[in-house]
Structures are given as C-alpha cells and as structure tokens.
Amino acid sequence: MRLFLLPISTRQSLIYCQRLNHQLSEQVTLLDKAATRGANLWLKWEKKESGWQKKVTSYGNKLFQRLPHAEWGLKSIPPLSARRKRDEIEGKEEVRVEYPEAFIESPEVHDALQTLGSKEKQKFHTKWFWGSIVGMPISAPVALIPVVPNLPFFYLCFRAWSHWRARSGSKHLEFLLDNRIVKLSPSDILRTAYMEAAMDMSIEELDKEVDNIRSGSSGKSVSDKKEERMLLSKSSGQLFAEYLDVPELAVEVERAVWQVEKALKTQQELKEEKAELGAATRNQSEPDRQPRRD
C-alpha cells in the first residue's frame, strides 16, 4: 500500500492511498456494495444528454466538490480487516508514504498523518455518520412525491457511507502509526513533478521558497512564520496523475486545489475588510482627538 502526501499550499496537504496489491478475496461490506451500485448508476446518469438525471448529476457534482478533500483522502485508505492487520504487522505488505522532501519535511509529514489518524478526526466522522443515519427517516416523506426519486434520502445514504469510510481510513492510519509500520519515503518523482508544476513561478522565487522551507528550525516549516501560499494549481492534477501513473489522482488534486484556493481567497477578503474597517475607525477617531478652540 502506497500513500502520497501532497502539499497543496505551504500549510495544507492532500493524502491519497494507492493499493498496490488489491486483495480480491477481502470481504466486501454491504455499504461498499451499495456504494458501488450507486456509483455505477451515477455514471449512467452522467452520460445522459439531457433530462432530470443529467441535472441531478450536474448539481450533485458541484455539491461533492465542496466535501473536504481530507475526507476524500481518508476514504481512499482501505478499512482495516483482520487479514490486512496481520499482513501489515508481519511485514507481508509494505506501507510507505511518499512525499516531496523539498516542499515538506519528514516531521511535518508525521504531524499531518497523526492529525488525520487522530481520535478527534474519528469522533468527527462518527458524529456525522450517525447524524446522516438519523436524517434518513426524516427524508422518507419525499418518497411520496411521484416520478422524482427521494434524492435527500440517497444523499444521506452517501454521506453515511462517506463518513464511515473516512473514519475507517483514519482508524487504519492510527493503527499504522501506533505500530510504526509506516515508512516515510522522499520521492524524486514527486520533487520533479512539483518543480514542473511550479514553472509559472520565477526561478528566483522558487529557489527562495525551497531554501526557506529547508531552513526551518526544529522541523517546523517556514509556513508557520509567513503567509500561506499555493504550491499547486488546478492544472497540476493531470500532471501528477501522469507522473505517478495514478489516473484517479487527477480529480483529487483538482478538488483539493479548488478548496484551498477558495479558502485562501475568503481569508484574504476578510483581512482586507478588517483593514478597511480599522482604517475607517481611525479616521473617525482623529477629529475627536484634536483640541477644541474657544
């Protein structure tokens, strides 16, 4: 099993799991079977030229785009079965994390993995798993509407499965860290991919960024001391998919980049509004401070 930890910005990273030796004999849960059937139906609807199925998938894909990239990443990590646990402990299956060392250091990689495999993360997905389950009966009356399927119910089913898989991925990651099974592996391929993805930056800016990251003290990145900045763009998704020969990684990178860019833009707008408000407040207070003339 191979994990990729890809820095999207100087402070946020995407995790994705590629299963090298997929075990067909592993037991498939009912939730997985239902999810597979739902995915096939969704693809069938997407191929429609028009109609309500096409509209549903169009709006649905926009909604899925907003689901946290960390959740999608954790879902890519397979649940920890008894057989997989035994194979990983006995060393029959190697688990390594590949990352671009020039853009994120090993202590940061370990911290990111611990955050994703934390009890807090598992509690979060457990909470919303049960929230989705509770919401299913509430959406049941929608089934009384003729012709139109009960979309709220199916969406809650998807969210319940999604949170369950994310929680399972987090628990698997916690197991790997607790038993020190994970092997950190700096990747020259990822380093080259990041360099190519950063071609829109000037050479001087790129060299300065790499030097700053490497010069961080106590294993902390310079990202803790300076403003967060994007390292990838939406077009980087296809680039990484080709470099790593993982086609499904393209959409994961594109989604993560879109979310981080949107969050940074919102933060910048709030910062500008705060600065404008502060300037207006100072301008209003200045006349009050001037001495009165009799």
C-alpha atoms as a PDB file:
ATOM      1  CA  MET A   1       0.000   0.000   0.000  1.00  0.00           C
ATOM      2  CA  ARG A   2       1.399   3.367  -1.030  1.00  0.00           C
ATOM      3  CA  LEU A   3       0.323   6.690   0.463  1.00  0.00           C
ATOM      4  CA  PHE A   4       1.002  10.038  -1.176  1.00  0.00           C
ATOM      5  CA  LEU A   5       1.185  13.203   0.908  1.00  0.00           C
ATOM      6  CA  LEU A   6       0.994  16.138  -1.492  1.00  0.00           C
ATOM      7  CA  PRO A   7       1.379  19.728  -0.192  1.00  0.00           C
ATOM      8  CA  ILE A   8      -1.330  21.819  -1.843  1.00  0.00           C
ATOM      9  CA  SER A   9      -0.190  25.006  -0.147  1.00  0.00           C
ATOM     10  CA  THR A  10       2.573  25.839   2.319  1.00  0.00           C
ATOM     11  CA  ARG A  11       0.245  24.755   5.155  1.00  0.00           C
ATOM     12  CA  GLN A  12      -2.227  22.208   3.756  1.00  0.00           C
ATOM     13  CA  SER A  13      -1.624  18.778   2.226  1.00  0.00           C
ATOM     14  CA  LEU A  14      -3.635  16.104   0.454  1.00  0.00           C
ATOM     15  CA  ILE A  15      -3.378  12.429   1.351  1.00  0.00           C
ATOM     16  CA  TYR A  16      -4.190   9.682  -1.140  1.00  0.00           C
ATOM     17  CA  CYS A  17      -3.780   5.919  -0.945  1.00  0.00           C
ATOM     18  CA  GLN A  18      -2.887   3.647  -3.841  1.00  0.00           C
ATOM     19  CA  ARG A  19      -3.391  -0.038  -3.133  1.00  0.00           C
ATOM     20  CA  LEU A  20      -0.591  -1.925  -4.854  1.00  0.00           C
ATOM     21  CA  ASN A  21      -1.775  -5.467  -4.090  1.00  0.00           C
ATOM     22  CA  HIS A  22      -5.551  -5.368  -4.096  1.00  0.00           C
ATOM     23  CA  GLN A  23      -6.864  -8.463  -2.350  1.00  0.00           C
ATOM     24  CA  LEU A  24      -9.912  -9.657  -4.198  1.00  0.00           C
ATOM     25  CA  SER A  25     -10.647 -12.186  -1.504  1.00  0.00           C
ATOM     26  CA  GLU A  26     -11.294  -9.494   1.105  1.00  0.00           C
ATOM     27  CA  GLN A  27     -14.860  -9.404   2.352  1.00  0.00           C
ATOM     28  CA  VAL A  28     -16.924  -6.638   0.766  1.00  0.00           C
ATOM     29  CA  THR A  29     -19.369  -4.964   3.133  1.00  0.00           C
ATOM     30  CA  LEU A  30     -22.994  -4.203   2.312  1.00  0.00           C
ATOM     31  CA  LEU A  31     -22.175  -0.491   2.440  1.00  0.00           C
ATOM     32  CA  ASP A  32     -19.431  -0.972  -0.141  1.00  0.00           C
ATOM     33  CA  LYS A  33     -21.741  -2.953  -2.388  1.00  0.00           C
ATOM     34  CA  ALA A  34     -24.420  -0.267  -2.150  1.00  0.00           C
ATOM     35  CA  ALA A  35     -21.831   2.440  -2.827  1.00  0.00           C
ATOM     36  CA  THR A  36     -20.555   0.615  -5.909  1.00  0.00           C
ATOM     37  CA  ARG A  37     -24.067   0.184  -7.230  1.00  0.00           C
ATOM     38  CA  GLY A  38     -24.812   3.853  -6.585  1.00  0.00           C
ATOM     39  CA  ALA A  39     -21.587   4.936  -8.340  1.00  0.00           C
ATOM     40  CA  ASN A  40     -22.464   2.887 -11.421  1.00  0.00           C
ATOM     41  CA  LEU A  41     -25.944   4.409 -11.513  1.00  0.00           C
ATOM     42  CA  TRP A  42     -24.456   7.888 -11.138  1.00  0.00           C
ATOM     43  CA  LEU A  43     -22.134   7.299 -14.097  1.00  0.00           C
ATOM     44  CA  LYS A  44     -25.085   6.114 -16.147  1.00  0.00           C
ATOM     45  CA  TRP A  45     -26.989   9.305 -15.330  1.00  0.00           C
ATOM     46  CA  GLU A  46     -23.959  11.448 -16.194  1.00  0.00           C
ATOM     47  CA  LYS A  47     -23.922  10.009 -19.716  1.00  0.00           C
ATOM     48  CA  LYS A  48     -27.468  11.247 -20.352  1.00  0.00           C
ATOM     49  CA  GLU A  49     -27.671  14.034 -22.907  1.00  0.00           C
ATOM     50  CA  SER A  50     -30.437  15.848 -21.029  1.00  0.00           C
ATOM     51  CA  GLY A  51     -33.275  15.297 -18.580  1.00  0.00           C
ATOM     52  CA  TRP A  52     -33.615  15.386 -14.815  1.00  0.00           C
ATOM     53  CA  GLN A  53     -30.925  12.686 -14.348  1.00  0.00           C
ATOM     54  CA  LYS A  54     -28.380  14.927 -16.087  1.00  0.00           C
ATOM     55  CA  LYS A  55     -29.406  17.914 -13.947  1.00  0.00           C
ATOM     56  CA  VAL A  56     -29.174  15.871 -10.763  1.00  0.00           C
ATOM     57  CA  THR A  57     -25.623  14.745 -11.551  1.00  0.00           C
ATOM     58  CA  SER A  58     -24.624  18.288 -12.564  1.00  0.00           C
ATOM     59  CA  TYR A  59     -25.783  19.804  -9.278  1.00  0.00           C
ATOM     60  CA  GLY A  60     -24.599  16.767  -7.342  1.00  0.00           C
ATOM     61  CA  ASN A  61     -21.049  17.026  -8.664  1.00  0.00           C
ATOM     62  CA  LYS A  62     -20.927  20.668  -7.580  1.00  0.00           C
ATOM     63  CA  LEU A  63     -22.028  19.564  -4.121  1.00  0.00           C
ATOM     64  CA  PHE A  64     -19.428  16.776  -3.971  1.00  0.00           C
ATOM     65  CA  GLN A  65     -16.778  19.319  -4.941  1.00  0.00           C
ATOM     66  CA  ARG A  66     -17.379  21.044  -1.601  1.00  0.00           C
ATOM     67  CA  LEU A  67     -16.828  17.940   0.544  1.00  0.00           C
ATOM     68  CA  PRO A  68     -13.482  18.320   2.397  1.00  0.00           C
ATOM     69  CA  HIS A  69     -10.525  16.900   0.491  1.00  0.00           C
ATOM     70  CA  ALA A  70      -9.299  15.318   3.744  1.00  0.00           C
ATOM     71  CA  GLU A  71     -12.477  13.224   3.808  1.00  0.00           C
ATOM     72  CA  TRP A  72     -11.956  12.053   0.226  1.00  0.00           C
ATOM     73  CA  GLY A  73      -8.341  11.218   1.040  1.00  0.00           C
ATOM     74  CA  LEU A  74      -9.206   9.174   4.118  1.00  0.00           C
ATOM     75  CA  LYS A  75     -11.833   7.276   2.105  1.00  0.00           C
ATOM     76  CA  SER A  76      -9.086   6.112  -0.247  1.00  0.00           C
ATOM     77  CA  ILE A  77      -7.425   4.255   2.658  1.00  0.00           C
ATOM     78  CA  PRO A  78      -8.969   0.756   2.899  1.00  0.00           C
ATOM     79  CA  PRO A  79     -10.673  -0.354   6.127  1.00  0.00           C
ATOM     80  CA  LEU A  80      -8.512  -2.417   8.456  1.00  0.00           C
ATOM     81  CA  SER A  81      -9.615  -6.050   8.173  1.00  0.00           C
ATOM     82  CA  ALA A  82      -8.211  -8.848  10.346  1.00  0.00           C
ATOM     83  CA  ARG A  83      -6.248 -10.244   7.399  1.00  0.00           C
ATOM     84  CA  ARG A  84      -4.787  -6.874   6.460  1.00  0.00           C
ATOM     85  CA  LYS A  85      -3.826  -6.183  10.072  1.00  0.00           C
ATOM     86  CA  ARG A  86      -1.979  -9.499  10.241  1.00  0.00           C
ATOM     87  CA  ASP A  87      -0.201  -8.946   6.916  1.00  0.00           C
ATOM     88  CA  GLU A  88       0.919  -5.453   7.891  1.00  0.00           C
ATOM     89  CA  ILE A  89       2.194  -6.486  11.305  1.00  0.00           C
ATOM     90  CA  GLU A  90       4.070  -9.463   9.853  1.00  0.00           C
ATOM     91  CA  GLY A  91       5.565  -7.264   7.139  1.00  0.00           C
ATOM     92  CA  LYS A  92       3.916  -9.103   4.258  1.00  0.00           C
ATOM     93  CA  GLU A  93       2.541  -5.816   2.939  1.00  0.00           C
ATOM     94  CA  GLU A  94       4.789  -2.761   2.836  1.00  0.00           C
ATOM     95  CA  VAL A  95       3.217   0.577   3.708  1.00  0.00           C
ATOM     96  CA  ARG A  96       5.127   3.661   2.657  1.00  0.00           C
ATOM     97  CA  VAL A  97       4.353   7.361   2.461  1.00  0.00           C
ATOM     98  CA  GLU A  98       5.862   9.209  -0.482  1.00  0.00           C
ATOM     99  CA  TYR A  99       6.283  12.986  -0.336  1.00  0.00           C
ATOM    100  CA  PRO A 100       8.349  15.781  -1.973  1.00  0.00           C
ATOM    101  CA  GLU A 101      11.095  16.384   0.591  1.00  0.00           C
ATOM    102  CA  ALA A 102      11.992  19.809  -0.796  1.00  0.00           C
ATOM    103  CA  PHE A 103       8.475  21.092  -0.069  1.00  0.00           C
ATOM    104  CA  ILE A 104       7.566  19.291   3.155  1.00  0.00           C
ATOM    105  CA  GLU A 105       9.917  17.800   5.755  1.00  0.00           C
ATOM    106  CA  SER A 106       9.561  14.434   7.473  1.00  0.00           C
ATOM    107  CA  PRO A 107       8.441  15.863  10.874  1.00  0.00           C
ATOM    108  CA  GLU A 108       5.654  17.721   9.080  1.00  0.00           C
ATOM    109  CA  VAL A 109       4.670  14.540   7.244  1.00  0.00           C
ATOM    110  CA  HIS A 110       4.432  12.677  10.551  1.00  0.00           C
ATOM    111  CA  ASP A 111       2.382  15.501  12.111  1.00  0.00           C
ATOM    112  CA  ALA A 112      -0.016  15.515   9.156  1.00  0.00           C
ATOM    113  CA  LEU A 113      -0.503  11.743   9.403  1.00  0.00           C
ATOM    114  CA  GLN A 114      -1.118  11.958  13.148  1.00  0.00           C
ATOM    115  CA  THR A 115      -3.759  14.632  12.620  1.00  0.00           C
ATOM    116  CA  LEU A 116      -5.568  12.550  10.014  1.00  0.00           C
ATOM    117  CA  GLY A 117      -5.353   9.435  12.204  1.00  0.00           C
ATOM    118  CA  SER A 118      -6.342  11.146  15.445  1.00  0.00           C
ATOM    119  CA  LYS A 119      -9.208  10.276  17.783  1.00  0.00           C
ATOM    120  CA  GLU A 120     -10.639  13.758  17.175  1.00  0.00           C
ATOM    121  CA  LYS A 121     -10.873  13.087  13.448  1.00  0.00           C
ATOM    122  CA  GLN A 122     -12.573   9.739  14.082  1.00  0.00           C
ATOM    123  CA  LYS A 123     -15.049  11.307  16.529  1.00  0.00           C
ATOM    124  CA  PHE A 124     -15.920  13.941  13.933  1.00  0.00           C
ATOM    125  CA  HIS A 125     -16.787  11.355  11.270  1.00  0.00           C
ATOM    126  CA  THR A 126     -18.600   9.154  13.795  1.00  0.00           C
ATOM    127  CA  LYS A 127     -20.769  12.110  14.823  1.00  0.00           C
ATOM    128  CA  TRP A 128     -21.780  12.928  11.268  1.00  0.00           C
ATOM    129  CA  PHE A 129     -22.192   9.264  10.354  1.00  0.00           C
ATOM    130  CA  TRP A 130     -24.914   8.939  12.972  1.00  0.00           C
ATOM    131  CA  GLY A 131     -26.284  12.353  12.015  1.00  0.00           C
ATOM    132  CA  SER A 132     -26.809  11.087   8.475  1.00  0.00           C
ATOM    133  CA  ILE A 133     -28.424   7.894   9.771  1.00  0.00           C
ATOM    134  CA  VAL A 134     -30.845   9.892  11.941  1.00  0.00           C
ATOM    135  CA  GLY A 135     -31.746  12.129   8.997  1.00  0.00           C
ATOM    136  CA  MET A 136     -32.783   9.241   6.757  1.00  0.00           C
ATOM    137  CA  PRO A 137     -36.263   8.665   8.309  1.00  0.00           C
ATOM    138  CA  ILE A 138     -36.893  12.412   8.238  1.00  0.00           C
ATOM    139  CA  SER A 139     -36.374  12.441   4.464  1.00  0.00           C
ATOM    140  CA  ALA A 140     -38.687   9.448   3.954  1.00  0.00           C
ATOM    141  CA  PRO A 141     -41.847  11.505   3.144  1.00  0.00           C
ATOM    142  CA  VAL A 142     -40.137  12.823  -0.004  1.00  0.00           C
ATOM    143  CA  ALA A 143     -40.676   9.339  -1.466  1.00  0.00           C
ATOM    144  CA  LEU A 144     -44.387  10.141  -1.668  1.00  0.00           C
ATOM    145  CA  ILE A 145     -43.711  12.627  -4.468  1.00  0.00           C
ATOM    146  CA  PRO A 146     -44.417  10.837  -7.766  1.00  0.00           C
ATOM    147  CA  VAL A 147     -41.805  10.439 -10.526  1.00  0.00           C
ATOM    148  CA  VAL A 148     -38.996  12.220  -8.658  1.00  0.00           C
ATOM    149  CA  PRO A 149     -36.756   9.848  -6.614  1.00  0.00           C
ATOM    150  CA  ASN A 150     -36.049  10.504  -2.938  1.00  0.00           C
ATOM    151  CA  LEU A 151     -32.792  12.399  -3.537  1.00  0.00           C
ATOM    152  CA  PRO A 152     -32.378  13.671   0.059  1.00  0.00           C
ATOM    153  CA  PHE A 153     -32.543  10.081   1.317  1.00  0.00           C
ATOM    154  CA  PHE A 154     -29.964   8.843  -1.185  1.00  0.00           C
ATOM    155  CA  TYR A 155     -27.702  11.788  -0.390  1.00  0.00           C
ATOM    156  CA  LEU A 156     -27.856  10.972   3.333  1.00  0.00           C
ATOM    157  CA  CYS A 157     -27.050   7.347   2.493  1.00  0.00           C
ATOM    158  CA  PHE A 158     -23.984   8.522   0.589  1.00  0.00           C
ATOM    159  CA  ARG A 159     -22.906  10.809   3.423  1.00  0.00           C
ATOM    160  CA  ALA A 160     -23.291   7.995   5.959  1.00  0.00           C
ATOM    161  CA  TRP A 161     -21.125   5.710   3.825  1.00  0.00           C
ATOM    162  CA  SER A 162     -18.625   8.506   3.198  1.00  0.00           C
ATOM    163  CA  HIS A 163     -18.194   9.288   6.901  1.00  0.00           C
ATOM    164  CA  TRP A 164     -17.944   5.584   7.731  1.00  0.00           C
ATOM    165  CA  ARG A 165     -15.188   5.079   5.156  1.00  0.00           C
ATOM    166  CA  ALA A 166     -13.336   8.207   6.287  1.00  0.00           C
ATOM    167  CA  ARG A 167     -13.497   7.044   9.903  1.00  0.00           C
ATOM    168  CA  SER A 168     -12.266   3.588   8.866  1.00  0.00           C
ATOM    169  CA  GLY A 169      -9.388   5.153   6.940  1.00  0.00           C
ATOM    170  CA  SER A 170      -8.463   7.278   9.941  1.00  0.00           C
ATOM    171  CA  LYS A 171      -8.500   4.244  12.253  1.00  0.00           C
ATOM    172  CA  HIS A 172      -6.309   2.320   9.793  1.00  0.00           C
ATOM    173  CA  LEU A 173      -3.852   5.211   9.707  1.00  0.00           C
ATOM    174  CA  GLU A 174      -3.822   5.341  13.513  1.00  0.00           C
ATOM    175  CA  PHE A 175      -3.027   1.612  13.605  1.00  0.00           C
ATOM    176  CA  LEU A 176      -0.127   2.064  11.192  1.00  0.00           C
ATOM    177  CA  LEU A 177       1.336   4.913  13.240  1.00  0.00           C
ATOM    178  CA  ASP A 178       0.887   3.211  16.612  1.00  0.00           C
ATOM    179  CA  ASN A 179       2.694   0.113  15.361  1.00  0.00           C
ATOM    180  CA  ARG A 180       5.323   2.115  13.460  1.00  0.00           C
ATOM    181  CA  ILE A 181       4.565   0.285  10.234  1.00  0.00           C
ATOM    182  CA  VAL A 182       4.627   3.368   8.018  1.00  0.00           C
ATOM    183  CA  LYS A 183       7.860   4.009   6.150  1.00  0.00           C
ATOM    184  CA  LEU A 184       8.497   7.632   5.127  1.00  0.00           C
ATOM    185  CA  SER A 185       9.932   7.737   1.621  1.00  0.00           C
ATOM    186  CA  PRO A 186      11.067  11.006  -0.029  1.00  0.00           C
ATOM    187  CA  SER A 187      10.201  10.817  -3.722  1.00  0.00           C
ATOM    188  CA  ASP A 188      12.368  12.191  -6.523  1.00  0.00           C
ATOM    189  CA  ILE A 189       9.433  11.743  -8.904  1.00  0.00           C
ATOM    190  CA  LEU A 190       7.246  13.981  -6.750  1.00  0.00           C
ATOM    191  CA  ARG A 191      10.043  16.519  -6.450  1.00  0.00           C
ATOM    192  CA  THR A 192      10.319  16.671 -10.245  1.00  0.00           C
ATOM    193  CA  ALA A 193       6.538  16.945 -10.593  1.00  0.00           C
ATOM    194  CA  TYR A 194       6.433  19.838  -8.135  1.00  0.00           C
ATOM    195  CA  MET A 195       9.232  21.601  -9.967  1.00  0.00           C
ATOM    196  CA  GLU A 196       7.326  21.290 -13.235  1.00  0.00           C
ATOM    197  CA  ALA A 197       4.087  22.393 -11.568  1.00  0.00           C
ATOM    198  CA  ALA A 198       5.868  25.474 -10.290  1.00  0.00           C
ATOM    199  CA  MET A 199       7.113  26.578 -13.720  1.00  0.00           C
ATOM    200  CA  ASP A 200       4.831  29.601 -13.544  1.00  0.00           C
ATOM    201  CA  MET A 201       6.956  30.877 -10.648  1.00  0.00           C
ATOM    202  CA  SER A 202      10.183  32.698 -11.286  1.00  0.00           C
ATOM    203  CA  ILE A 203      13.368  30.704 -10.711  1.00  0.00           C
ATOM    204  CA  GLU A 204      14.438  33.124  -8.005  1.00  0.00           C
ATOM    205  CA  GLU A 205      11.133  32.837  -6.152  1.00  0.00           C
ATOM    206  CA  LEU A 206      11.169  29.039  -6.389  1.00  0.00           C
ATOM    207  CA  ASP A 207      14.753  28.746  -5.098  1.00  0.00           C
ATOM    208  CA  LYS A 208      13.967  31.127  -2.261  1.00  0.00           C
ATOM    209  CA  GLU A 209      10.873  29.142  -1.298  1.00  0.00           C
ATOM    210  CA  VAL A 210      12.791  25.840  -1.236  1.00  0.00           C
ATOM    211  CA  ASP A 211      15.634  27.388   0.805  1.00  0.00           C
ATOM    212  CA  ASN A 212      13.166  28.854   3.296  1.00  0.00           C
ATOM    213  CA  ILE A 213      11.398  25.527   3.757  1.00  0.00           C
ATOM    214  CA  ARG A 214      14.675  23.678   4.251  1.00  0.00           C
ATOM    215  CA  SER A 215      15.982  26.240   6.746  1.00  0.00           C
ATOM    216  CA  GLY A 216      13.061  25.815   9.151  1.00  0.00           C
ATOM    217  CA  SER A 217      14.186  25.130  12.733  1.00  0.00           C
ATOM    218  CA  SER A 218      13.055  22.201  14.931  1.00  0.00           C
ATOM    219  CA  GLY A 219      11.455  20.502  11.929  1.00  0.00           C
ATOM    220  CA  LYS A 220       8.935  23.337  11.515  1.00  0.00           C
ATOM    221  CA  SER A 221       8.271  24.728   8.078  1.00  0.00           C
ATOM    222  CA  VAL A 222       8.604  28.366   7.245  1.00  0.00           C
ATOM    223  CA  SER A 223       4.858  28.174   6.573  1.00  0.00           C
ATOM    224  CA  ASP A 224       4.361  28.732  10.314  1.00  0.00           C
ATOM    225  CA  LYS A 225       6.076  32.103  10.047  1.00  0.00           C
ATOM    226  CA  LYS A 226       4.839  33.520   6.772  1.00  0.00           C
ATOM    227  CA  GLU A 227       1.628  33.897   4.857  1.00  0.00           C
ATOM    228  CA  GLU A 228       0.174  30.751   3.342  1.00  0.00           C
ATOM    229  CA  ARG A 229       0.816  30.377  -0.380  1.00  0.00           C
ATOM    230  CA  MET A 230      -0.376  27.928  -3.027  1.00  0.00           C
ATOM    231  CA  LEU A 231       2.116  25.370  -4.335  1.00  0.00           C
ATOM    232  CA  LEU A 232      -0.149  23.773  -6.956  1.00  0.00           C
ATOM    233  CA  SER A 233      -2.787  24.869  -9.441  1.00  0.00           C
ATOM    234  CA  LYS A 234      -5.833  23.053 -10.815  1.00  0.00           C
ATOM    235  CA  SER A 235      -3.852  22.028 -13.884  1.00  0.00           C
ATOM    236  CA  SER A 236      -1.415  20.157 -11.615  1.00  0.00           C
ATOM    237  CA  GLY A 237      -3.889  17.300 -11.186  1.00  0.00           C
ATOM    238  CA  GLN A 238      -3.317  15.757 -14.602  1.00  0.00           C
ATOM    239  CA  LEU A 239       0.425  16.310 -14.264  1.00  0.00           C
ATOM    240  CA  PHE A 240       0.636  14.312 -11.034  1.00  0.00           C
ATOM    241  CA  ALA A 241      -1.648  11.594 -12.397  1.00  0.00           C
ATOM    242  CA  GLU A 242       0.740  11.100 -15.315  1.00  0.00           C
ATOM    243  CA  TYR A 243       3.937  11.258 -13.263  1.00  0.00           C
ATOM    244  CA  LEU A 244       2.680   8.732 -10.685  1.00  0.00           C
ATOM    245  CA  ASP A 245       0.610   6.656 -13.148  1.00  0.00           C
ATOM    246  CA  VAL A 246      -2.453   7.054 -10.937  1.00  0.00           C
ATOM    247  CA  PRO A 247      -5.278   8.427 -13.180  1.00  0.00           C
ATOM    248  CA  GLU A 248      -7.765   8.821 -10.335  1.00  0.00           C
ATOM    249  CA  LEU A 249      -5.380  11.203  -8.548  1.00  0.00           C
ATOM    250  CA  ALA A 250      -6.115  13.994 -11.051  1.00  0.00           C
ATOM    251  CA  VAL A 251      -9.608  14.760  -9.753  1.00  0.00           C
ATOM    252  CA  GLU A 252      -8.418  14.527  -6.125  1.00  0.00           C
ATOM    253  CA  VAL A 253      -5.704  17.145  -6.671  1.00  0.00           C
ATOM    254  CA  GLU A 254      -8.028  19.413  -8.654  1.00  0.00           C
ATOM    255  CA  ARG A 255     -10.664  19.252  -5.902  1.00  0.00           C
ATOM    256  CA  ALA A 256      -8.137  19.958  -3.138  1.00  0.00           C
ATOM    257  CA  VAL A 257      -6.607  22.895  -5.040  1.00  0.00           C
ATOM    258  CA  TRP A 258     -10.062  24.400  -5.643  1.00  0.00           C
ATOM    259  CA  GLN A 259     -10.967  24.137  -1.959  1.00  0.00           C
ATOM    260  CA  VAL A 260      -7.694  25.585  -0.654  1.00  0.00           C
ATOM    261  CA  GLU A 261      -7.739  28.428  -3.193  1.00  0.00           C
ATOM    262  CA  LYS A 262     -11.317  29.262  -2.219  1.00  0.00           C
ATOM    263  CA  ALA A 263     -10.436  29.256   1.494  1.00  0.00           C
ATOM    264  CA  LEU A 264      -7.398  31.488   0.961  1.00  0.00           C
ATOM    265  CA  LYS A 265      -9.442  33.903  -1.132  1.00  0.00           C
ATOM    266  CA  THR A 266     -12.058  34.123   1.622  1.00  0.00           C
ATOM    267  CA  GLN A 267      -9.365  34.730   4.235  1.00  0.00           C
ATOM    268  CA  GLN A 268      -7.820  37.471   2.104  1.00  0.00           C
ATOM    269  CA  GLU A 269     -11.181  39.174   1.623  1.00  0.00           C
ATOM    270  CA  LEU A 270     -11.853  39.087   5.383  1.00  0.00           C
ATOM    271  CA  LYS A 271      -8.396  40.506   6.050  1.00  0.00           C
ATOM    272  CA  GLU A 272      -8.984  43.353   3.589  1.00  0.00           C
ATOM    273  CA  GLU A 273     -12.396  44.106   5.099  1.00  0.00           C
ATOM    274  CA  LYS A 274     -10.870  44.176   8.582  1.00  0.00           C
ATOM    275  CA  ALA A 275      -8.117  46.517   7.401  1.00  0.00           C
ATOM    276  CA  GLU A 276     -10.648  48.847   5.764  1.00  0.00           C
ATOM    277  CA  LEU A 277     -12.794  48.838   8.908  1.00  0.00           C
ATOM    278  CA  GLY A 278      -9.753  49.611  11.053  1.00  0.00           C
ATOM    279  CA  ALA A 279      -8.726  52.474   8.791  1.00  0.00           C
ATOM    280  CA  ALA A 280     -12.245  53.923   8.829  1.00  0.00           C
ATOM    281  CA  THR A 281     -12.359  53.702  12.637  1.00  0.00           C
ATOM    282  CA  ARG A 282      -9.028  55.515  12.953  1.00  0.00           C
ATOM    283  CA  ASN A 283     -10.146  58.237  10.570  1.00  0.00           C
ATOM    284  CA  GLN A 284     -13.305  58.819  12.598  1.00  0.00           C
ATOM    285  CA  SER A 285     -11.430  58.998  15.898  1.00  0.00           C
ATOM    286  CA  GLU A 286      -8.814  61.515  14.688  1.00  0.00           C
ATOM    287  CA  PRO A 287     -11.141  64.575  14.663  1.00  0.00           C
ATOM    288  CA  ASP A 288     -12.241  63.758  18.220  1.00  0.00           C
ATOM    289  CA  ARG A 289      -8.635  63.865  19.406  1.00  0.00           C
ATOM    290  CA  GLN A 290      -7.967  67.373  18.060  1.00  0.00           C
ATOM    291  CA  PRO A 291      -8.116  70.088  20.778  1.00  0.00           C
ATOM    292  CA  ARG A 292     -11.094  72.385  20.696  1.00  0.00           C
ATOM    293  CA  ARG A 293     -10.556  76.068  20.030  1.00  0.00           C
ATOM    294  CA  ASP A 294     -12.525  78.625  22.004  1.00  0.00           C
END
